[in-house]
Amino acid sequence: MGALGGGSKPPEFASTHPAEATRIAKLEKLMPEAVALYEANRRR
């Protein structure tokens, strides 16, 4: 989005949303637990 507005992105700590790389890394880290919970509960 920074490129669309012509400006640069604010530092992550000053932003209301995490940086793309941070968000993706956290999702990838949490995905195995989410899948396990899904699998355990979809058979109920």
C-alpha atoms as a PDB file:
ATOM      1  CA  MET A   1       0.000   0.000   0.000  1.00  0.00           C
ATOM      2  CA  GLY A   2       2.871   2.389   0.647  1.00  0.00           C
ATOM      3  CA  ALA A   3       3.772   2.286  -3.043  1.00  0.00           C
ATOM      4  CA  LEU A   4       0.217   3.137  -4.058  1.00  0.00           C
ATOM      5  CA  GLY A   5       0.157   6.215  -1.860  1.00  0.00           C
ATOM      6  CA  GLY A   6       3.561   7.353  -3.026  1.00  0.00           C
ATOM      7  CA  GLY A   7       5.030   7.122   0.483  1.00  0.00           C
ATOM      8  CA  SER A   8       6.925   4.580   2.471  1.00  0.00           C
ATOM      9  CA  LYS A   9       5.438   2.285   5.093  1.00  0.00           C
ATOM     10  CA  PRO A  10       5.715   3.311   8.742  1.00  0.00           C
ATOM     11  CA  PRO A  11       7.788   1.164  11.090  1.00  0.00           C
ATOM     12  CA  GLU A  12       5.851  -1.926  12.165  1.00  0.00           C
ATOM     13  CA  PHE A  13       5.589  -0.779  15.806  1.00  0.00           C
ATOM     14  CA  ALA A  14       3.861   2.425  14.652  1.00  0.00           C
ATOM     15  CA  SER A  15       1.506   0.674  12.245  1.00  0.00           C
ATOM     16  CA  THR A  16      -1.980  -0.628  12.945  1.00  0.00           C
ATOM     17  CA  HIS A  17      -1.185  -3.841  11.008  1.00  0.00           C
ATOM     18  CA  PRO A  18       1.817  -6.174  11.110  1.00  0.00           C
ATOM     19  CA  ALA A  19       4.271  -6.188   8.239  1.00  0.00           C
ATOM     20  CA  GLU A  20       3.532  -8.792   5.569  1.00  0.00           C
ATOM     21  CA  ALA A  21       6.573 -10.901   6.413  1.00  0.00           C
ATOM     22  CA  THR A  22       5.727 -10.891  10.131  1.00  0.00           C
ATOM     23  CA  ARG A  23       2.086 -11.763   9.519  1.00  0.00           C
ATOM     24  CA  ILE A  24       2.974 -14.635   7.172  1.00  0.00           C
ATOM     25  CA  ALA A  25       5.608 -16.024   9.564  1.00  0.00           C
ATOM     26  CA  LYS A  26       3.170 -16.002  12.493  1.00  0.00           C
ATOM     27  CA  LEU A  27       0.444 -17.683  10.448  1.00  0.00           C
ATOM     28  CA  GLU A  28       2.832 -20.382   9.252  1.00  0.00           C
ATOM     29  CA  LYS A  29       3.964 -20.991  12.829  1.00  0.00           C
ATOM     30  CA  LEU A  30       0.382 -21.305  14.130  1.00  0.00           C
ATOM     31  CA  MET A  31      -1.036 -23.352  11.249  1.00  0.00           C
ATOM     32  CA  PRO A  32      -0.089 -26.848  12.547  1.00  0.00           C
ATOM     33  CA  GLU A  33      -1.907 -26.183  15.826  1.00  0.00           C
ATOM     34  CA  ALA A  34      -4.930 -24.771  13.989  1.00  0.00           C
ATOM     35  CA  VAL A  35      -5.123 -27.798  11.691  1.00  0.00           C
ATOM     36  CA  ALA A  36      -4.833 -30.175  14.653  1.00  0.00           C
ATOM     37  CA  LEU A  37      -7.678 -28.403  16.455  1.00  0.00           C
ATOM     38  CA  TYR A  38      -9.773 -28.437  13.297  1.00  0.00           C
ATOM     39  CA  GLU A  39      -9.191 -32.128  12.704  1.00  0.00           C
ATOM     40  CA  ALA A  40      -9.957 -33.006  16.329  1.00  0.00           C
ATOM     41  CA  ASN A  41     -13.229 -31.122  16.320  1.00  0.00           C
ATOM     42  CA  ARG A  42     -14.668 -31.698  12.865  1.00  0.00           C
ATOM     43  CA  ARG A  43     -15.567 -35.320  13.664  1.00  0.00           C
ATOM     44  CA  ARG A  44     -17.888 -34.357  16.516  1.00  0.00           C
END
